[in-house]
PDB file of N, CA and C in Angstrom:
ATOM      1  N   ARG A   1      -5.930   3.225   4.204  1.00  0.00           N
ATOM      2  CA  ARG A   1      -7.365   3.056   4.137  1.00  0.00           C
ATOM      3  C   ARG A   1      -7.944   4.423   3.869  1.00  0.00           C
ATOM      4  N   GLY A   2      -8.660   4.579   2.776  1.00  0.00           N
ATOM      5  CA  GLY A   2      -9.206   5.878   2.445  1.00  0.00           C
ATOM      6  C   GLY A   2     -10.351   5.782   1.472  1.00  0.00           C
ATOM      7  N   LYS A   3     -10.811   6.934   1.023  1.00  0.00           N
ATOM      8  CA  LYS A   3     -11.880   7.011   0.030  1.00  0.00           C
ATOM      9  C   LYS A   3     -11.440   7.956  -1.059  1.00  0.00           C
ATOM     10  N   GLY A   4     -11.590   7.497  -2.287  1.00  0.00           N
ATOM     11  CA  GLY A   4     -11.283   8.352  -3.426  1.00  0.00           C
ATOM     12  C   GLY A   4      -9.804   8.454  -3.700  1.00  0.00           C
ATOM     13  N   GLY A   5      -9.436   9.560  -4.299  1.00  0.00           N
ATOM     14  CA  GLY A   5      -8.038   9.774  -4.661  1.00  0.00           C
ATOM     15  C   GLY A   5      -7.840   9.642  -6.156  1.00  0.00           C
ATOM     16  N   ILE A   6      -6.603   9.686  -6.574  1.00  0.00           N
ATOM     17  CA  ILE A   6      -6.260   9.610  -7.996  1.00  0.00           C
ATOM     18  C   ILE A   6      -6.660   8.251  -8.541  1.00  0.00           C
ATOM     19  N   GLY A   7      -7.480   8.236  -9.572  1.00  0.00           N
ATOM     20  CA  GLY A   7      -7.821   7.006 -10.268  1.00  0.00           C
ATOM     21  C   GLY A   7      -8.942   6.187  -9.679  1.00  0.00           C
ATOM     22  N   ALA A   8      -9.583   6.633  -8.604  1.00  0.00           N
ATOM     23  CA  ALA A   8     -10.666   5.842  -8.020  1.00  0.00           C
ATOM     24  C   ALA A   8     -11.510   6.684  -7.073  1.00  0.00           C
ATOM     25  N   ASP A   9     -12.762   6.256  -6.874  1.00  0.00           N
ATOM     26  CA  ASP A   9     -13.647   6.959  -5.962  1.00  0.00           C
ATOM     27  C   ASP A   9     -14.283   6.009  -4.951  1.00  0.00           C
ATOM     28  N   GLU A  10     -13.764   4.792  -4.828  1.00  0.00           N
ATOM     29  CA  GLU A  10     -14.297   3.834  -3.882  1.00  0.00           C
ATOM     30  C   GLU A  10     -13.619   3.959  -2.522  1.00  0.00           C
ATOM     31  N   SER A  11     -14.205   3.292  -1.552  1.00  0.00           N
ATOM     32  CA  SER A  11     -13.635   3.225  -0.217  1.00  0.00           C
ATOM     33  C   SER A  11     -12.790   1.960  -0.142  1.00  0.00           C
ATOM     34  N   GLY A  12     -11.491   2.112   0.124  1.00  0.00           N
ATOM     35  CA  GLY A  12     -10.620   0.945   0.145  1.00  0.00           C
ATOM     36  C   GLY A  12      -9.215   1.270   0.605  1.00  0.00           C
ATOM     37  N   VAL A  13      -8.298   0.370   0.303  1.00  0.00           N
ATOM     38  CA  VAL A  13      -6.896   0.513   0.684  1.00  0.00           C
ATOM     39  C   VAL A  13      -6.122   1.028  -0.523  1.00  0.00           C
ATOM     40  N   ARG A  14      -5.354   2.072  -0.340  1.00  0.00           N
ATOM     41  CA  ARG A  14      -4.588   2.720  -1.405  1.00  0.00           C
ATOM     42  C   ARG A  14      -3.108   2.600  -1.080  1.00  0.00           C
ATOM     43  N   PHE A  15      -2.276   2.485  -2.111  1.00  0.00           N
ATOM     44  CA  PHE A  15      -0.841   2.360  -1.888  1.00  0.00           C
ATOM     45  C   PHE A  15      -0.105   3.234  -2.896  1.00  0.00           C
ATOM     46  N   ASP A  16       0.717   4.150  -2.386  1.00  0.00           N
ATOM     47  CA  ASP A  16       1.493   5.072  -3.207  1.00  0.00           C
ATOM     48  C   ASP A  16       2.955   4.987  -2.810  1.00  0.00           C
ATOM     49  N   LYS A  17       3.815   5.499  -3.668  1.00  0.00           N
ATOM     50  CA  LYS A  17       5.221   5.618  -3.291  1.00  0.00           C
ATOM     51  C   LYS A  17       5.762   6.948  -3.791  1.00  0.00           C
ATOM     52  N   SER A  18       6.770   7.424  -3.088  1.00  0.00           N
ATOM     53  CA  SER A  18       7.490   8.621  -3.482  1.00  0.00           C
ATOM     54  C   SER A  18       8.966   8.262  -3.479  1.00  0.00           C
ATOM     55  N   GLU A  19       9.583   8.382  -4.640  1.00  0.00           N
ATOM     56  CA  GLU A  19      10.992   8.019  -4.777  1.00  0.00           C
ATOM     57  C   GLU A  19      11.682   9.052  -5.647  1.00  0.00           C
ATOM     58  N   GLY A  20      12.745   9.623  -5.132  1.00  0.00           N
ATOM     59  CA  GLY A  20      13.484  10.619  -5.897  1.00  0.00           C
ATOM     60  C   GLY A  20      12.652  11.829  -6.272  1.00  0.00           C
ATOM     61  N   GLY A  21      11.700  12.191  -5.415  1.00  0.00           N
ATOM     62  CA  GLY A  21      10.847  13.343  -5.677  1.00  0.00           C
ATOM     63  C   GLY A  21       9.696  13.058  -6.627  1.00  0.00           C
ATOM     64  N   VAL A  22       9.539  11.803  -7.058  1.00  0.00           N
ATOM     65  CA  VAL A  22       8.454  11.420  -7.965  1.00  0.00           C
ATOM     66  C   VAL A  22       7.412  10.634  -7.175  1.00  0.00           C
ATOM     67  N   TYR A  23       6.164  11.132  -7.171  1.00  0.00           N
ATOM     68  CA  TYR A  23       5.055  10.517  -6.455  1.00  0.00           C
ATOM     69  C   TYR A  23       4.262   9.667  -7.430  1.00  0.00           C
ATOM     70  N   GLU A  24       3.909   8.431  -7.026  1.00  0.00           N
ATOM     71  CA  GLU A  24       3.230   7.509  -7.939  1.00  0.00           C
ATOM     72  C   GLU A  24       2.201   6.668  -7.174  1.00  0.00           C
ATOM     73  N   THR A  25       0.998   6.542  -7.736  1.00  0.00           N
ATOM     74  CA  THR A  25      -0.008   5.638  -7.185  1.00  0.00           C
ATOM     75  C   THR A  25       0.254   4.247  -7.736  1.00  0.00           C
ATOM     76  N   LEU A  26       0.500   3.294  -6.851  1.00  0.00           N
ATOM     77  CA  LEU A  26       0.740   1.910  -7.265  1.00  0.00           C
ATOM     78  C   LEU A  26      -0.540   1.090  -7.260  1.00  0.00           C
ATOM     79  N   SER A  27      -1.486   1.451  -6.396  1.00  0.00           N
ATOM     80  CA  SER A  27      -2.752   0.735  -6.316  1.00  0.00           C
ATOM     81  C   SER A  27      -3.818   1.676  -5.769  1.00  0.00           C
ATOM     82  N   PRO A  28      -4.752   2.150  -6.622  1.00  0.00           N
ATOM     83  CA  PRO A  28      -5.809   3.043  -6.152  1.00  0.00           C
ATOM     84  C   PRO A  28      -6.836   2.283  -5.308  1.00  0.00           C
ATOM     85  N   THR A  29      -7.703   3.015  -4.618  1.00  0.00           N
ATOM     86  CA  THR A  29      -8.673   2.405  -3.704  1.00  0.00           C
ATOM     87  C   THR A  29      -9.594   1.401  -4.394  1.00  0.00           C
ATOM     88  N   ASN A  30      -9.882   1.569  -5.678  1.00  0.00           N
ATOM     89  CA  ASN A  30     -10.808   0.639  -6.338  1.00  0.00           C
ATOM     90  C   ASN A  30     -10.194  -0.742  -6.596  1.00  0.00           C
ATOM     91  N   LYS A  31      -8.911  -0.919  -6.344  1.00  0.00           N
ATOM     92  CA  LYS A  31      -8.268  -2.233  -6.494  1.00  0.00           C
ATOM     93  C   LYS A  31      -8.375  -3.062  -5.215  1.00  0.00           C
ATOM     94  N   ASN A  32      -8.643  -2.417  -4.077  1.00  0.00           N
ATOM     95  CA  ASN A  32      -8.721  -3.087  -2.775  1.00  0.00           C
ATOM     96  C   ASN A  32      -9.898  -2.516  -1.996  1.00  0.00           C
ATOM     97  N   ILE A  33     -11.100  -2.756  -2.488  1.00  0.00           N
ATOM     98  CA  ILE A  33     -12.308  -2.158  -1.918  1.00  0.00           C
ATOM     99  C   ILE A  33     -12.651  -2.810  -0.587  1.00  0.00           C
ATOM    100  N   THR A  34     -12.968  -1.964   0.407  1.00  0.00           N
ATOM    101  CA  THR A  34     -13.435  -2.434   1.715  1.00  0.00           C
ATOM    102  C   THR A  34     -14.204  -1.318   2.402  1.00  0.00           C
ATOM    103  N   ASP A  35     -15.168  -1.715   3.209  1.00  0.00           N
ATOM    104  CA  ASP A  35     -15.871  -0.731   4.039  1.00  0.00           C
ATOM    105  C   ASP A  35     -15.482  -0.894   5.511  1.00  0.00           C
ATOM    106  N   ALA A  36     -14.448  -1.709   5.780  1.00  0.00           N
ATOM    107  CA  ALA A  36     -13.964  -1.916   7.150  1.00  0.00           C
ATOM    108  C   ALA A  36     -13.439  -0.605   7.725  1.00  0.00           C
ATOM    109  N   ASN A  37     -13.743  -0.353   8.986  1.00  0.00           N
ATOM    110  CA  ASN A  37     -13.240   0.848   9.656  1.00  0.00           C
ATOM    111  C   ASN A  37     -11.778   0.711  10.044  1.00  0.00           C
ATOM    112  N   VAL A  38     -11.303  -0.524  10.260  1.00  0.00           N
ATOM    113  CA  VAL A  38      -9.929  -0.775  10.683  1.00  0.00           C
ATOM    114  C   VAL A  38      -9.355  -1.879   9.798  1.00  0.00           C
ATOM    115  N   VAL A  39      -8.152  -1.652   9.283  1.00  0.00           N
ATOM    116  CA  VAL A  39      -7.443  -2.678   8.511  1.00  0.00           C
ATOM    117  C   VAL A  39      -6.018  -2.790   9.049  1.00  0.00           C
ATOM    118  N   GLU A  40      -5.387  -3.921   8.770  1.00  0.00           N
ATOM    119  CA  GLU A  40      -3.989  -4.127   9.133  1.00  0.00           C
ATOM    120  C   GLU A  40      -3.161  -4.073   7.853  1.00  0.00           C
ATOM    121  N   LEU A  41      -1.967  -3.482   7.956  1.00  0.00           N
ATOM    122  CA  LEU A  41      -1.088  -3.309   6.809  1.00  0.00           C
ATOM    123  C   LEU A  41       0.279  -3.896   7.109  1.00  0.00           C
ATOM    124  N   LYS A  42       0.940  -4.415   6.072  1.00  0.00           N
ATOM    125  CA  LYS A  42       2.326  -4.856   6.244  1.00  0.00           C
ATOM    126  C   LYS A  42       3.062  -4.669   4.930  1.00  0.00           C
ATOM    127  N   ILE A  43       4.359  -4.418   5.051  1.00  0.00           N
ATOM    128  CA  ILE A  43       5.237  -4.297   3.894  1.00  0.00           C
ATOM    129  C   ILE A  43       6.383  -5.285   4.085  1.00  0.00           C
ATOM    130  N   ARG A  44       6.623  -6.089   3.060  1.00  0.00           N
ATOM    131  CA  ARG A  44       7.708  -7.072   3.098  1.00  0.00           C
ATOM    132  C   ARG A  44       8.800  -6.634   2.130  1.00  0.00           C
ATOM    133  N   ARG A  45      10.036  -6.694   2.595  1.00  0.00           N
ATOM    134  CA  ARG A  45      11.180  -6.345   1.759  1.00  0.00           C
ATOM    135  C   ARG A  45      11.998  -7.604   1.500  1.00  0.00           C
ATOM    136  N   ALA A  46      12.343  -7.825   0.238  1.00  0.00           N
ATOM    137  CA  ALA A  46      13.245  -8.912  -0.161  1.00  0.00           C
ATOM    138  C   ALA A  46      14.263  -8.285  -1.104  1.00  0.00           C
ATOM    139  N   GLY A  47      15.428  -7.919  -0.575  1.00  0.00           N
ATOM    140  CA  GLY A  47      16.417  -7.198  -1.381  1.00  0.00           C
ATOM    141  C   GLY A  47      15.897  -5.814  -1.713  1.00  0.00           C
ATOM    142  N   GLU A  48      15.726  -5.533  -2.981  1.00  0.00           N
ATOM    143  CA  GLU A  48      15.201  -4.236  -3.426  1.00  0.00           C
ATOM    144  C   GLU A  48      13.730  -4.321  -3.835  1.00  0.00           C
ATOM    145  N   GLU A  49      13.091  -5.482  -3.604  1.00  0.00           N
ATOM    146  CA  GLU A  49      11.677  -5.651  -3.947  1.00  0.00           C
ATOM    147  C   GLU A  49      10.816  -5.496  -2.701  1.00  0.00           C
ATOM    148  N   TYR A  50       9.763  -4.713  -2.817  1.00  0.00           N
ATOM    149  CA  TYR A  50       8.850  -4.436  -1.720  1.00  0.00           C
ATOM    150  C   TYR A  50       7.455  -4.884  -2.125  1.00  0.00           C
ATOM    151  N   THR A  51       6.759  -5.550  -1.191  1.00  0.00           N
ATOM    152  CA  THR A  51       5.394  -5.989  -1.428  1.00  0.00           C
ATOM    153  C   THR A  51       4.539  -5.513  -0.266  1.00  0.00           C
ATOM    154  N   ALA A  52       3.414  -4.870  -0.576  1.00  0.00           N
ATOM    155  CA  ALA A  52       2.498  -4.378   0.447  1.00  0.00           C
ATOM    156  C   ALA A  52       1.276  -5.286   0.499  1.00  0.00           C
ATOM    157  N   PHE A  53       0.785  -5.512   1.733  1.00  0.00           N
ATOM    158  CA  PHE A  53      -0.368  -6.373   1.960  1.00  0.00           C
ATOM    159  C   PHE A  53      -1.352  -5.689   2.901  1.00  0.00           C
ATOM    160  N   TRP A  54      -2.594  -6.133   2.873  1.00  0.00           N
ATOM    161  CA  TRP A  54      -3.599  -5.664   3.819  1.00  0.00           C
ATOM    162  C   TRP A  54      -4.555  -6.808   4.147  1.00  0.00           C
ATOM    163  N   ARG A  55      -5.237  -6.666   5.284  1.00  0.00           N
ATOM    164  CA  ARG A  55      -6.319  -7.563   5.663  1.00  0.00           C
ATOM    165  C   ARG A  55      -7.215  -6.826   6.636  1.00  0.00           C
ATOM    166  N   GLN A  56      -8.439  -7.318   6.782  1.00  0.00           N
ATOM    167  CA  GLN A  56      -9.330  -6.709   7.761  1.00  0.00           C
ATOM    168  C   GLN A  56      -8.798  -6.995   9.149  1.00  0.00           C
ATOM    169  N   SER A  57      -9.022  -6.081  10.069  1.00  0.00           N
ATOM    170  CA  SER A  57      -8.552  -6.224  11.438  1.00  0.00           C
ATOM    171  C   SER A  57      -9.124  -7.488  12.060  1.00  0.00           C
ATOM    172  N   GLY A  58      -8.291  -8.194  12.830  1.00  0.00           N
ATOM    173  CA  GLY A  58      -8.744  -9.393  13.504  1.00  0.00           C
ATOM    174  C   GLY A  58      -8.278 -10.679  12.852  1.00  0.00           C
ATOM    175  N   GLY A  59      -7.552 -10.572  11.769  1.00  0.00           N
ATOM    176  CA  GLY A  59      -7.008 -11.776  11.143  1.00  0.00           C
ATOM    177  C   GLY A  59      -7.552 -12.019   9.755  1.00  0.00           C
ATOM    178  N   GLY A  60      -7.342 -13.220   9.294  1.00  0.00           N
ATOM    179  CA  GLY A  60      -7.726 -13.577   7.938  1.00  0.00           C
ATOM    180  C   GLY A  60      -6.521 -13.545   7.021  1.00  0.00           C
ATOM    181  N   ALA A  61      -6.751 -13.886   5.781  1.00  0.00           N
ATOM    182  CA  ALA A  61      -5.665 -13.964   4.799  1.00  0.00           C
ATOM    183  C   ALA A  61      -5.178 -12.573   4.409  1.00  0.00           C
ATOM    184  N   TRP A  62      -3.865 -12.440   4.254  1.00  0.00           N
ATOM    185  CA  TRP A  62      -3.279 -11.193   3.754  1.00  0.00           C
ATOM    186  C   TRP A  62      -3.539 -11.117   2.258  1.00  0.00           C
ATOM    187  N   LYS A  63      -3.911  -9.934   1.776  1.00  0.00           N
ATOM    188  CA  LYS A  63      -4.167  -9.691   0.354  1.00  0.00           C
ATOM    189  C   LYS A  63      -3.073  -8.769  -0.172  1.00  0.00           C
ATOM    190  N   GLU A  64      -2.465  -9.154  -1.286  1.00  0.00           N
ATOM    191  CA  GLU A  64      -1.407  -8.322  -1.862  1.00  0.00           C
ATOM    192  C   GLU A  64      -2.015  -7.062  -2.467  1.00  0.00           C
ATOM    193  N   ILE A  65      -1.408  -5.924  -2.135  1.00  0.00           N
ATOM    194  CA  ILE A  65      -1.833  -4.638  -2.686  1.00  0.00           C
ATOM    195  C   ILE A  65      -1.037  -4.331  -3.953  1.00  0.00           C
ATOM    196  N   ALA A  66       0.280  -4.331  -3.818  1.00  0.00           N
ATOM    197  CA  ALA A  66       1.161  -3.996  -4.943  1.00  0.00           C
ATOM    198  C   ALA A  66       2.569  -4.449  -4.617  1.00  0.00           C
ATOM    199  N   LYS A  67       3.361  -4.550  -5.668  1.00  0.00           N
ATOM    200  CA  LYS A  67       4.765  -4.935  -5.556  1.00  0.00           C
ATOM    201  C   LYS A  67       5.563  -3.952  -6.408  1.00  0.00           C
ATOM    202  N   PHE A  68       6.741  -3.563  -5.902  1.00  0.00           N
ATOM    203  CA  PHE A  68       7.582  -2.668  -6.695  1.00  0.00           C
ATOM    204  C   PHE A  68       9.039  -2.859  -6.314  1.00  0.00           C
ATOM    205  N   THR A  69       9.917  -2.401  -7.173  1.00  0.00           N
ATOM    206  CA  THR A  69      11.346  -2.415  -6.915  1.00  0.00           C
ATOM    207  C   THR A  69      11.792  -0.986  -6.674  1.00  0.00           C
ATOM    208  N   GLY A  70      12.568  -0.779  -5.622  1.00  0.00           N
ATOM    209  CA  GLY A  70      13.038   0.560  -5.307  1.00  0.00           C
ATOM    210  C   GLY A  70      14.446   0.508  -4.750  1.00  0.00           C
ATOM    211  N   ASN A  71      15.250   1.469  -5.131  1.00  0.00           N
ATOM    212  CA  ASN A  71      16.615   1.569  -4.637  1.00  0.00           C
ATOM    213  C   ASN A  71      16.674   2.730  -3.658  1.00  0.00           C
ATOM    214  N   PHE A  72      16.286   2.467  -2.407  1.00  0.00           N
ATOM    215  CA  PHE A  72      16.188   3.512  -1.400  1.00  0.00           C
ATOM    216  C   PHE A  72      17.458   3.681  -0.583  1.00  0.00           C
ATOM    217  N   GLY A  73      18.421   2.784  -0.736  1.00  0.00           N
ATOM    218  CA  GLY A  73      19.625   2.864   0.072  1.00  0.00           C
ATOM    219  C   GLY A  73      19.373   2.363   1.478  1.00  0.00           C
ATOM    220  N   ASN A  74      20.324   2.621   2.380  1.00  0.00           N
ATOM    221  CA  ASN A  74      20.188   2.205   3.767  1.00  0.00           C
ATOM    222  C   ASN A  74      20.457   3.376   4.677  1.00  0.00           C
ATOM    223  N   PRO A  75      19.717   3.616   5.722  1.00  0.00           N
ATOM    224  CA  PRO A  75      18.561   2.819   6.097  1.00  0.00           C
ATOM    225  C   PRO A  75      17.353   3.161   5.227  1.00  0.00           C
ATOM    226  N   VAL A  76      16.452   2.204   5.073  1.00  0.00           N
ATOM    227  CA  VAL A  76      15.216   2.403   4.308  1.00  0.00           C
ATOM    228  C   VAL A  76      14.194   3.054   5.226  1.00  0.00           C
ATOM    229  N   GLN A  77      13.513   4.081   4.720  1.00  0.00           N
ATOM    230  CA  GLN A  77      12.482   4.762   5.494  1.00  0.00           C
ATOM    231  C   GLN A  77      11.138   4.545   4.800  1.00  0.00           C
ATOM    232  N   ILE A  78      10.312   3.716   5.413  1.00  0.00           N
ATOM    233  CA  ILE A  78       8.988   3.406   4.885  1.00  0.00           C
ATOM    234  C   ILE A  78       7.991   3.638   6.006  1.00  0.00           C
ATOM    235  N   GLY A  79       6.833   4.218   5.676  1.00  0.00           N
ATOM    236  CA  GLY A  79       5.857   4.464   6.717  1.00  0.00           C
ATOM    237  C   GLY A  79       4.495   4.785   6.150  1.00  0.00           C
ATOM    238  N   LEU A  80       3.606   5.142   7.039  1.00  0.00           N
ATOM    239  CA  LEU A  80       2.223   5.464   6.690  1.00  0.00           C
ATOM    240  C   LEU A  80       2.004   6.954   6.759  1.00  0.00           C
ATOM    241  N   ILE A  81       1.189   7.459   5.815  1.00  0.00           N
ATOM    242  CA  ILE A  81       0.773   8.851   5.883  1.00  0.00           C
ATOM    243  C   ILE A  81      -0.723   8.925   5.674  1.00  0.00           C
TER     244      ILE A  81
END
C-alpha cells in the first residue's frame, strides 16, 4: 500500500518482484487505487506460478493484483517491504 512510484502517482496497492538481481514493477499503484489506510494482502503459489491479491481490511472480495512465473527454488522467500 503506497503512493506514487514507478509508473504511477496514485494512492493504491503496488506489487514488485526482484529475481536474480533484476527488479521489476508488476503492478503500479494506479492499477489498484484505494484510499484505505489498511489493506490485507495474500500471495498464492501454484507450482512456479504466483498470484498476488488485496482487499480492504475487514473482508470483502479479494482483487487480483498480478500473476507471474518465477523459479525461486526451495525454500521460497517472499515477503513485504
